[in-house]
Amino acid sequence: MIKKLGLQLYTLRDCIKDEDYADLTFKKMAELGYTEAHHAGTYGMSPETFVEKLDKYGISIVGTHYDYNAILNNYDETVRIHKLWKTTNIGIGGMPGEARQSLDNLKKFIADFNKAAEAYAKEGFKLTYHNHHFEFLRIDGTKTLMDYLYEGFDPATTSFVLDTCWVHAGCANLNEWMEKLAGRIDILHCKDVMLKQEGGHLFGTMTEVGNGTVNWKSVIEMGEKIGVKHYVVEKDTSSDPFASLERSSNFLHKNFMR
């Protein structure tokens, strides 16, 4: 069972336009049952103001999607900010575009990521990687980018932010990948997917947790088995993000929370 529910703040990016908006947004977020936050930017606020506003409503930061260039080249400030935010997960939302262009580039990215992770580990941090669907493309005719990340990242200093919807979109088996990454997923992004018809075409699209085809009973059971620490809801786009988040929260609280 899930003890606390988190939210990837990218979901509410349009509602964090300034400090006053952010205050109201975080208040509503907490009222909807989200007490953990996955950072995706401070939206013009200082790191200090950002965390103060979250603290005000009892919301803790469990990880970040941080600037990769800053991770590589601004070590001291990156450490300072993440210590201020009291999170040990320093993450990126995806690899640089050039890393996808060739196997040599991908291997260089993995080596650079590991080197940085080794340095941050000395301060008690892990570097985290969030997947999309393109990681499940075969880059050498046999192995996928995700295979190389799985084999190449150092499990002692890195972890994965596995995204349930993007794994499905990559035509991969979610439970198999969760089990394969046992002990290496501190944060699980909870996003559902459903089949939609538009303009005579069928395509998969993101939807609220519990409104799609993801088998959440199986996912939560596997998450508990493999040691997932934080379950973080996200929906990339929504005409009414608060209504969307309420629906996901209600489903998870009713079925999987203590």
Protein backbone atom coordinates (compact mmCIF):
# COMPACT_ATOMS: atom_id res chain seq x y z
CA MET A 1 0.00 0.00 0.00
CA ILE A 2 1.07 3.58 -0.68
CA LYS A 3 1.83 5.68 2.41
CA LYS A 4 2.17 9.11 0.74
CA LEU A 5 1.13 10.41 -2.66
CA GLY A 6 3.36 12.62 -4.75
CA LEU A 7 2.89 14.93 -7.71
CA GLN A 8 5.22 15.87 -10.54
CA LEU A 9 4.85 19.66 -10.48
CA TYR A 10 5.15 19.89 -14.28
CA THR A 11 1.45 18.97 -14.20
CA LEU A 12 0.69 22.34 -12.57
CA ARG A 13 3.24 24.47 -14.42
CA ASP A 14 0.56 26.84 -15.76
CA CYS A 15 -0.73 27.38 -12.22
CA ILE A 16 2.61 28.46 -10.76
CA LYS A 17 2.94 31.75 -12.61
CA ASP A 18 4.17 33.77 -9.63
CA GLU A 19 4.49 33.47 -5.87
CA ASP A 20 0.81 34.16 -5.17
CA TYR A 21 -0.33 31.63 -7.76
CA ALA A 22 2.16 29.13 -6.37
CA ASP A 23 0.84 29.60 -2.85
CA LEU A 24 -2.75 28.91 -3.93
CA THR A 25 -1.63 26.01 -6.12
CA PHE A 26 0.33 24.25 -3.38
CA LYS A 27 -2.57 24.77 -0.96
CA LYS A 28 -4.97 23.09 -3.38
CA MET A 29 -2.46 20.36 -4.11
CA ALA A 30 -2.25 19.47 -0.42
CA GLU A 31 -6.05 19.54 -0.09
CA LEU A 32 -6.23 16.95 -2.89
CA GLY A 33 -3.99 14.60 -0.90
CA TYR A 34 -0.60 15.21 -2.49
CA THR A 35 2.07 15.60 0.21
CA GLU A 36 5.18 14.94 -1.89
CA ALA A 37 6.47 16.92 -4.85
CA HIS A 38 8.75 16.07 -7.75
CA HIS A 39 10.41 19.31 -8.84
CA ALA A 40 10.35 20.42 -12.49
CA GLY A 41 11.48 24.02 -12.09
CA THR A 42 11.00 26.87 -9.60
CA TYR A 43 9.11 29.08 -12.09
CA GLY A 44 10.92 32.30 -11.24
CA MET A 45 10.99 31.76 -7.49
CA SER A 46 14.26 31.49 -5.60
CA PRO A 47 15.10 28.00 -4.33
CA GLU A 48 14.47 29.29 -0.80
CA THR A 49 11.03 30.72 -1.59
CA PHE A 50 10.08 27.62 -3.55
CA VAL A 51 10.71 25.23 -0.68
CA GLU A 52 9.22 27.62 1.91
CA LYS A 53 5.91 27.62 0.04
CA LEU A 54 5.86 23.84 -0.19
CA ASP A 55 6.79 23.50 3.50
CA LYS A 56 3.91 25.82 4.40
CA TYR A 57 1.45 23.14 3.25
CA GLY A 58 3.37 20.10 4.47
CA ILE A 59 4.69 19.11 1.04
CA SER A 60 8.18 17.63 0.85
CA ILE A 61 10.41 17.47 -2.24
CA VAL A 62 11.34 13.87 -3.10
CA GLY A 63 13.38 14.49 -6.24
CA THR A 64 14.11 16.87 -9.07
CA HIS A 65 14.19 17.23 -12.82
CA TYR A 66 17.20 19.50 -12.82
CA ASP A 67 19.32 21.14 -15.49
CA TYR A 68 21.82 18.58 -16.81
CA ASN A 69 24.41 21.22 -17.64
CA ALA A 70 24.24 22.49 -14.05
CA ILE A 71 24.64 18.95 -12.75
CA LEU A 72 27.79 18.50 -14.82
CA ASN A 73 29.30 21.96 -14.39
CA ASN A 74 27.94 23.58 -11.23
CA TYR A 75 28.50 20.96 -8.57
CA ASP A 76 28.63 23.16 -5.47
CA GLU A 77 25.41 25.04 -6.22
CA THR A 78 23.58 21.86 -7.24
CA VAL A 79 24.57 20.25 -3.94
CA ARG A 80 23.59 23.38 -1.98
CA ILE A 81 20.13 23.58 -3.52
CA HIS A 82 19.33 19.89 -3.11
CA LYS A 83 20.47 19.96 0.52
CA LEU A 84 18.23 22.99 1.04
CA TRP A 85 15.35 21.01 -0.45
CA LYS A 86 16.22 17.93 1.66
CA THR A 87 16.13 15.50 -1.23
CA THR A 88 18.82 13.01 -2.18
CA ASN A 89 17.49 12.49 -5.73
CA ILE A 90 19.07 14.79 -8.32
CA GLY A 91 17.49 14.00 -11.65
CA ILE A 92 17.07 14.79 -15.31
CA GLY A 93 13.90 14.42 -17.34
CA GLY A 94 15.64 12.77 -20.27
CA MET A 95 18.97 12.49 -22.06
CA PRO A 96 20.39 15.25 -24.28
CA GLY A 97 19.24 15.01 -27.88
CA GLU A 98 22.68 14.14 -29.23
CA ALA A 99 22.84 11.05 -26.98
CA ARG A 100 20.03 9.53 -29.05
CA GLN A 101 21.79 10.03 -32.38
CA SER A 102 24.39 7.25 -32.23
CA LEU A 103 25.58 4.41 -30.04
CA ASP A 104 28.87 6.20 -29.40
CA ASN A 105 27.01 9.31 -28.22
CA LEU A 106 24.80 7.19 -25.96
CA LYS A 107 27.81 5.48 -24.42
CA LYS A 108 29.45 8.87 -23.80
CA PHE A 109 26.29 10.11 -22.08
CA ILE A 110 26.23 7.04 -19.84
CA ALA A 111 29.91 7.51 -18.96
CA ASP A 112 29.42 11.21 -18.19
CA PHE A 113 26.31 10.45 -16.10
CA ASN A 114 28.17 7.82 -14.09
CA LYS A 115 31.14 10.10 -13.52
CA ALA A 116 28.87 12.86 -12.21
CA ALA A 117 26.90 10.37 -10.10
CA GLU A 118 30.11 9.14 -8.47
CA ALA A 119 30.95 12.69 -7.40
CA TYR A 120 27.44 13.42 -6.03
CA ALA A 121 27.39 10.12 -4.18
CA LYS A 122 30.14 11.50 -1.92
CA GLU A 123 27.54 13.98 -0.64
CA GLY A 124 24.86 11.32 -0.23
CA PHE A 125 23.00 11.88 -3.51
CA LYS A 126 21.90 9.68 -6.39
CA LEU A 127 21.44 10.85 -9.96
CA THR A 128 18.06 9.81 -11.37
CA TYR A 129 16.99 9.25 -14.96
CA HIS A 130 13.39 9.61 -16.21
CA ASN A 131 12.40 7.65 -19.29
CA HIS A 132 10.11 8.49 -22.19
CA HIS A 133 9.15 6.15 -25.03
CA PHE A 134 12.14 6.72 -27.33
CA GLU A 135 14.44 4.78 -24.98
CA PHE A 136 12.73 1.63 -26.24
CA LEU A 137 13.94 2.15 -29.80
CA ARG A 138 16.61 -0.29 -30.94
CA ILE A 139 19.74 1.76 -31.43
CA ASP A 140 22.02 -1.00 -32.73
CA GLY A 141 19.48 -3.27 -34.41
CA THR A 142 19.26 -5.50 -31.33
CA LYS A 143 19.42 -3.58 -28.07
CA THR A 144 17.29 -0.59 -27.11
CA LEU A 145 18.57 2.62 -25.58
CA MET A 146 16.90 1.49 -22.37
CA ASP A 147 18.89 -1.75 -22.45
CA TYR A 148 22.10 0.26 -22.57
CA LEU A 149 20.96 2.54 -19.73
CA TYR A 150 20.03 -0.48 -17.63
CA GLU A 151 23.36 -2.17 -18.28
CA GLY A 152 25.48 0.98 -18.16
CA PHE A 153 24.25 3.07 -15.24
CA ASP A 154 25.93 2.29 -11.93
CA PRO A 155 23.21 0.91 -9.59
CA ALA A 156 25.16 2.13 -6.56
CA THR A 157 25.03 5.81 -7.55
CA THR A 158 22.06 6.13 -9.93
CA SER A 159 18.39 5.23 -10.05
CA PHE A 160 15.50 5.34 -12.51
CA VAL A 161 12.31 7.38 -12.42
CA LEU A 162 10.25 4.87 -14.36
CA ASP A 163 7.22 6.36 -16.11
CA THR A 164 4.33 3.92 -16.44
CA CYS A 165 2.69 5.60 -19.42
CA TRP A 166 5.88 6.07 -21.42
CA VAL A 167 6.85 2.43 -20.93
CA HIS A 168 3.51 1.46 -22.46
CA ALA A 169 4.00 3.98 -25.27
CA GLY A 170 7.37 2.37 -25.99
CA CYS A 171 5.60 -0.98 -26.50
CA ALA A 172 7.47 -2.47 -23.54
CA ASN A 173 6.18 -4.62 -20.68
CA LEU A 174 5.78 -2.44 -17.59
CA ASN A 175 5.87 -5.18 -14.96
CA GLU A 176 8.87 -6.83 -16.58
CA TRP A 177 10.81 -3.58 -16.52
CA MET A 178 9.80 -2.84 -12.95
CA GLU A 179 11.01 -6.26 -11.86
CA LYS A 180 14.17 -5.90 -13.94
CA LEU A 181 14.91 -2.60 -12.16
CA ALA A 182 14.24 -3.98 -8.67
CA GLY A 183 15.96 -1.78 -6.11
CA ARG A 184 16.72 0.84 -8.75
CA ILE A 185 13.40 2.75 -8.83
CA ASP A 186 13.08 5.21 -5.97
CA ILE A 187 10.39 7.22 -7.78
CA LEU A 188 7.63 5.79 -9.97
CA HIS A 189 5.71 8.18 -12.22
CA CYS A 190 2.07 7.11 -12.19
CA LYS A 191 0.36 7.93 -15.47
CA ASP A 192 -2.40 5.97 -17.19
CA VAL A 193 -2.99 5.48 -20.91
CA MET A 194 -6.17 4.91 -22.89
CA LEU A 195 -7.18 4.38 -26.52
CA LYS A 196 -8.72 7.44 -28.15
CA GLN A 197 -10.41 7.97 -31.52
CA GLU A 198 -10.02 11.27 -33.30
CA GLY A 199 -10.35 12.13 -36.98
CA GLY A 200 -10.90 8.52 -37.89
CA HIS A 201 -7.65 7.44 -36.24
CA LEU A 202 -6.99 5.47 -33.06
CA PHE A 203 -4.10 6.39 -30.81
CA GLY A 204 -2.99 6.02 -27.22
CA THR A 205 -3.19 9.06 -24.98
CA MET A 206 -2.48 9.91 -21.36
CA THR A 207 -5.34 9.85 -18.91
CA GLU A 208 -5.98 9.97 -15.18
CA VAL A 209 -4.78 7.12 -12.99
CA GLY A 210 -7.48 4.46 -12.96
CA ASN A 211 -9.12 5.70 -16.16
CA GLY A 212 -7.01 3.71 -18.60
CA THR A 213 -5.54 0.33 -19.30
CA VAL A 214 -2.70 0.17 -16.74
CA ASN A 215 -3.27 -2.65 -14.23
CA TRP A 216 -2.66 -0.61 -11.07
CA LYS A 217 -3.14 -3.51 -8.68
CA SER A 218 -0.29 -5.30 -10.40
CA VAL A 219 1.83 -2.14 -10.58
CA ILE A 220 1.45 -1.26 -6.89
CA GLU A 221 2.08 -4.84 -5.80
CA MET A 222 5.23 -4.94 -7.93
CA GLY A 223 6.28 -1.52 -6.65
CA GLU A 224 6.06 -2.70 -3.06
CA LYS A 225 7.96 -5.88 -3.94
CA ILE A 226 10.88 -4.08 -5.62
CA GLY A 227 11.20 -1.20 -3.15
CA VAL A 228 9.62 1.83 -4.85
CA LYS A 229 9.78 4.67 -2.30
CA HIS A 230 7.67 7.40 -3.92
CA TYR A 231 4.56 7.15 -6.11
CA VAL A 232 4.26 10.36 -8.10
CA VAL A 233 1.23 11.23 -10.24
CA GLU A 234 1.75 13.17 -13.45
CA LYS A 235 -0.40 14.22 -16.38
CA ASP A 236 1.49 16.21 -18.99
CA THR A 237 -1.47 18.17 -20.33
CA SER A 238 -4.98 18.85 -19.08
CA SER A 239 -7.69 21.43 -19.66
CA ASP A 240 -8.48 21.26 -15.93
CA PRO A 241 -5.41 19.96 -14.07
CA PHE A 242 -7.01 20.13 -10.61
CA ALA A 243 -9.99 18.05 -11.68
CA SER A 244 -7.59 15.60 -13.28
CA LEU A 245 -5.45 15.38 -10.14
CA GLU A 246 -8.50 14.95 -7.95
CA ARG A 247 -9.64 11.98 -10.03
CA SER A 248 -6.22 10.29 -9.82
CA SER A 249 -5.94 11.00 -6.10
CA ASN A 250 -9.41 9.64 -5.35
CA PHE A 251 -8.66 6.42 -7.21
CA LEU A 252 -5.33 5.83 -5.50
CA HIS A 253 -6.56 6.79 -2.02
CA LYS A 254 -9.60 4.56 -2.32
CA ASN A 255 -7.76 1.51 -3.60
CA PHE A 256 -4.13 1.61 -2.53
CA MET A 257 -3.49 3.99 0.36
CA ARG A 258 -3.39 3.25 4.06
